[in-house]
Structure formats: C-alpha cells, structure tokens
Amino acid sequence: MTANPRKLFREVLGDTKRPLEAIKAEREGFGLSVDEAMAVCLEATGRVSTLSEQQAKLGPLLRLGSFARNAD
C-alpha cells in the first residue's frame, strides 16, 4: 500500500481518471473523513497548498453567502 494519501490519490487518479475513485481510495486506505480526503485532493491536484489556504479562500465567500441569506 502507498504510504502517503497524496501519492495514492495521484496513482488512482492516473489509473482511473476519476477523482471520486481516488477520494474513495484515500478514505478507505487511510481512514480519512470526507473533509480530510477533499483537502488531500485539493493539495494533490495543486489547487491549494494547504487546507488553511483553502479555508482562507472560502471564508469571504461563505461570509458573503451568509450576508445574502440574512438580507431577505
């Protein structure tokens, strides 16, 4: 078994071309939660370097969505 969730994600994605299969493999292989597996997916694909970076990007959008819901 691959010793690193990011490496496993890349291997499965390369073999299957299916991100959901790669996420499933990480979760099963390493016992990750959905949030943890998604963070690995984002890091492995280079979309963000860390979960903290992703949260920082989403924070303003989440606040904006909350504001919009409360404006009604």
N, C-alpha and C. Protein backbone atom coordinates (compact mmCIF):
# COMPACT_ATOMS: atom_id res chain seq x y z
N MET A 1 0.84 -1.19 0.00
CA MET A 1 0.00 0.00 0.00
C MET A 1 0.88 1.25 0.00
N THR A 2 0.40 2.27 -0.66
CA THR A 2 1.10 3.55 -0.70
C THR A 2 1.07 4.18 0.69
N ALA A 3 2.21 4.73 1.10
CA ALA A 3 2.34 5.27 2.46
C ALA A 3 1.87 6.71 2.60
N ASN A 4 1.45 7.33 1.52
CA ASN A 4 1.10 8.75 1.54
C ASN A 4 -0.24 8.96 0.84
N PRO A 5 -1.22 9.62 1.49
CA PRO A 5 -2.52 9.82 0.84
C PRO A 5 -2.45 10.60 -0.46
N ARG A 6 -1.56 11.59 -0.55
CA ARG A 6 -1.45 12.37 -1.78
C ARG A 6 -0.95 11.51 -2.93
N LYS A 7 0.05 10.68 -2.62
CA LYS A 7 0.59 9.79 -3.65
C LYS A 7 -0.47 8.78 -4.10
N LEU A 8 -1.22 8.23 -3.16
CA LEU A 8 -2.29 7.29 -3.50
C LEU A 8 -3.33 7.98 -4.38
N PHE A 9 -3.71 9.19 -4.01
CA PHE A 9 -4.68 9.95 -4.81
C PHE A 9 -4.19 10.08 -6.25
N ARG A 10 -2.95 10.50 -6.41
CA ARG A 10 -2.39 10.70 -7.76
C ARG A 10 -2.34 9.39 -8.55
N GLU A 11 -1.96 8.29 -7.87
CA GLU A 11 -1.88 6.99 -8.54
C GLU A 11 -3.25 6.54 -9.03
N VAL A 12 -4.25 6.60 -8.13
CA VAL A 12 -5.59 6.15 -8.51
C VAL A 12 -6.18 7.07 -9.57
N LEU A 13 -5.99 8.36 -9.43
CA LEU A 13 -6.49 9.30 -10.43
C LEU A 13 -5.84 9.03 -11.79
N GLY A 14 -4.54 8.76 -11.79
CA GLY A 14 -3.85 8.45 -13.03
C GLY A 14 -4.35 7.17 -13.68
N ASP A 15 -4.66 6.17 -12.85
CA ASP A 15 -5.15 4.89 -13.37
C ASP A 15 -6.58 4.97 -13.85
N THR A 16 -7.44 5.66 -13.10
CA THR A 16 -8.88 5.64 -13.38
C THR A 16 -9.40 6.89 -14.07
N LYS A 17 -8.69 8.01 -13.92
CA LYS A 17 -9.15 9.33 -14.41
C LYS A 17 -10.44 9.76 -13.72
N ARG A 18 -10.70 9.21 -12.54
CA ARG A 18 -11.94 9.50 -11.82
C ARG A 18 -11.60 10.01 -10.42
N PRO A 19 -11.75 11.32 -10.19
CA PRO A 19 -11.41 11.89 -8.88
C PRO A 19 -12.18 11.24 -7.72
N LEU A 20 -13.43 10.88 -7.95
CA LEU A 20 -14.20 10.28 -6.85
C LEU A 20 -13.64 8.92 -6.45
N GLU A 21 -13.13 8.17 -7.42
CA GLU A 21 -12.49 6.89 -7.10
C GLU A 21 -11.22 7.11 -6.28
N ALA A 22 -10.48 8.15 -6.63
CA ALA A 22 -9.26 8.47 -5.90
C ALA A 22 -9.57 8.90 -4.47
N ILE A 23 -10.63 9.70 -4.30
CA ILE A 23 -11.04 10.12 -2.96
C ILE A 23 -11.49 8.92 -2.14
N LYS A 24 -12.25 8.04 -2.77
CA LYS A 24 -12.72 6.83 -2.08
C LYS A 24 -11.52 5.98 -1.64
N ALA A 25 -10.53 5.83 -2.50
CA ALA A 25 -9.34 5.05 -2.16
C ALA A 25 -8.60 5.65 -0.97
N GLU A 26 -8.48 6.97 -0.93
CA GLU A 26 -7.81 7.63 0.21
C GLU A 26 -8.58 7.38 1.49
N ARG A 27 -9.89 7.52 1.41
CA ARG A 27 -10.71 7.35 2.61
C ARG A 27 -10.60 5.93 3.13
N GLU A 28 -10.68 4.95 2.23
CA GLU A 28 -10.59 3.55 2.65
C GLU A 28 -9.18 3.19 3.10
N GLY A 29 -8.19 3.66 2.39
CA GLY A 29 -6.81 3.29 2.69
C GLY A 29 -6.24 3.95 3.94
N PHE A 30 -6.70 5.15 4.23
CA PHE A 30 -6.12 5.91 5.34
C PHE A 30 -7.13 6.31 6.40
N GLY A 31 -8.38 5.91 6.24
CA GLY A 31 -9.40 6.23 7.24
C GLY A 31 -9.70 7.71 7.35
N LEU A 32 -9.63 8.42 6.22
CA LEU A 32 -9.85 9.87 6.23
C LEU A 32 -11.34 10.20 6.21
N SER A 33 -11.68 11.32 6.80
CA SER A 33 -13.04 11.85 6.69
C SER A 33 -13.21 12.43 5.29
N VAL A 34 -14.42 12.77 4.93
CA VAL A 34 -14.67 13.40 3.63
C VAL A 34 -13.89 14.71 3.53
N ASP A 35 -13.92 15.51 4.59
CA ASP A 35 -13.21 16.79 4.58
C ASP A 35 -11.70 16.59 4.41
N GLU A 36 -11.16 15.62 5.12
CA GLU A 36 -9.72 15.35 5.01
C GLU A 36 -9.37 14.87 3.61
N ALA A 37 -10.20 13.99 3.05
CA ALA A 37 -9.94 13.47 1.71
C ALA A 37 -10.03 14.57 0.66
N MET A 38 -10.99 15.48 0.82
CA MET A 38 -11.10 16.59 -0.12
C MET A 38 -9.89 17.53 -0.02
N ALA A 39 -9.40 17.73 1.20
CA ALA A 39 -8.21 18.56 1.38
C ALA A 39 -7.02 17.93 0.67
N VAL A 40 -6.87 16.62 0.79
CA VAL A 40 -5.79 15.92 0.09
C VAL A 40 -5.96 16.07 -1.41
N CYS A 41 -7.19 15.94 -1.90
CA CYS A 41 -7.48 16.10 -3.33
C CYS A 41 -7.04 17.48 -3.81
N LEU A 42 -7.40 18.50 -3.09
CA LEU A 42 -7.04 19.87 -3.47
C LEU A 42 -5.53 20.08 -3.46
N GLU A 43 -4.87 19.51 -2.45
CA GLU A 43 -3.42 19.63 -2.36
C GLU A 43 -2.73 18.83 -3.46
N ALA A 44 -3.20 17.60 -3.69
CA ALA A 44 -2.57 16.72 -4.67
C ALA A 44 -2.71 17.24 -6.10
N THR A 45 -3.79 17.95 -6.37
CA THR A 45 -4.01 18.48 -7.71
C THR A 45 -3.42 19.88 -7.88
N GLY A 46 -2.84 20.42 -6.80
CA GLY A 46 -2.19 21.72 -6.89
C GLY A 46 -3.14 22.90 -6.82
N ARG A 47 -4.40 22.65 -6.49
CA ARG A 47 -5.35 23.75 -6.40
C ARG A 47 -5.07 24.64 -5.20
N VAL A 48 -4.62 24.04 -4.12
CA VAL A 48 -4.17 24.78 -2.94
C VAL A 48 -2.99 24.01 -2.36
N SER A 49 -2.16 24.69 -1.58
CA SER A 49 -1.02 24.01 -0.99
C SER A 49 -1.35 23.43 0.38
N THR A 50 -2.34 24.02 1.06
CA THR A 50 -2.72 23.53 2.38
C THR A 50 -4.22 23.72 2.60
N LEU A 51 -4.75 23.00 3.56
CA LEU A 51 -6.16 23.18 3.91
C LEU A 51 -6.39 24.60 4.43
N SER A 52 -5.44 25.15 5.15
CA SER A 52 -5.59 26.51 5.66
C SER A 52 -5.74 27.51 4.51
N GLU A 53 -5.00 27.29 3.44
CA GLU A 53 -5.10 28.17 2.28
C GLU A 53 -6.50 28.07 1.67
N GLN A 54 -7.03 26.85 1.58
CA GLN A 54 -8.37 26.66 1.03
C GLN A 54 -9.41 27.34 1.90
N GLN A 55 -9.30 27.18 3.20
CA GLN A 55 -10.25 27.81 4.10
C GLN A 55 -10.18 29.33 4.00
N ALA A 56 -8.99 29.86 3.83
CA ALA A 56 -8.83 31.31 3.69
C ALA A 56 -9.51 31.81 2.41
N LYS A 57 -9.45 31.01 1.34
CA LYS A 57 -10.10 31.40 0.09
C LYS A 57 -11.62 31.31 0.21
N LEU A 58 -12.11 30.32 0.94
CA LEU A 58 -13.56 30.14 1.06
C LEU A 58 -14.20 31.07 2.07
N GLY A 59 -13.45 31.51 3.06
CA GLY A 59 -14.01 32.35 4.13
C GLY A 59 -14.81 33.54 3.63
N PRO A 60 -14.25 34.38 2.78
CA PRO A 60 -15.02 35.53 2.29
C PRO A 60 -16.28 35.12 1.52
N LEU A 61 -16.20 34.03 0.78
CA LEU A 61 -17.37 33.58 0.03
C LEU A 61 -18.47 33.09 0.97
N LEU A 62 -18.06 32.41 2.03
CA LEU A 62 -19.05 31.92 2.99
C LEU A 62 -19.71 33.08 3.72
N ARG A 63 -18.92 34.08 4.09
CA ARG A 63 -19.49 35.25 4.76
C ARG A 63 -20.44 35.99 3.83
N LEU A 64 -20.09 36.12 2.57
CA LEU A 64 -20.94 36.77 1.59
C LEU A 64 -22.27 36.01 1.45
N GLY A 65 -22.21 34.68 1.38
CA GLY A 65 -23.42 33.87 1.28
C GLY A 65 -24.29 34.03 2.51
N SER A 66 -23.68 34.10 3.67
CA SER A 66 -24.43 34.28 4.91
C SER A 66 -25.10 35.65 4.91
N PHE A 67 -24.39 36.66 4.46
CA PHE A 67 -24.95 38.02 4.40
C PHE A 67 -26.14 38.06 3.44
N ALA A 68 -25.99 37.41 2.30
CA ALA A 68 -27.06 37.42 1.29
C ALA A 68 -28.30 36.72 1.83
N ARG A 69 -28.14 35.63 2.56
CA ARG A 69 -29.30 34.93 3.12
C ARG A 69 -29.99 35.76 4.17
N ASN A 70 -29.23 36.52 4.95
CA ASN A 70 -29.81 37.33 6.02
C ASN A 70 -30.44 38.62 5.51
N ALA A 71 -30.16 38.99 4.27
CA ALA A 71 -30.68 40.24 3.72
C ALA A 71 -32.14 40.12 3.32
N ASP A 72 -32.63 38.91 3.14
CA ASP A 72 -34.03 38.72 2.71
C ASP A 72 -35.02 39.05 3.75
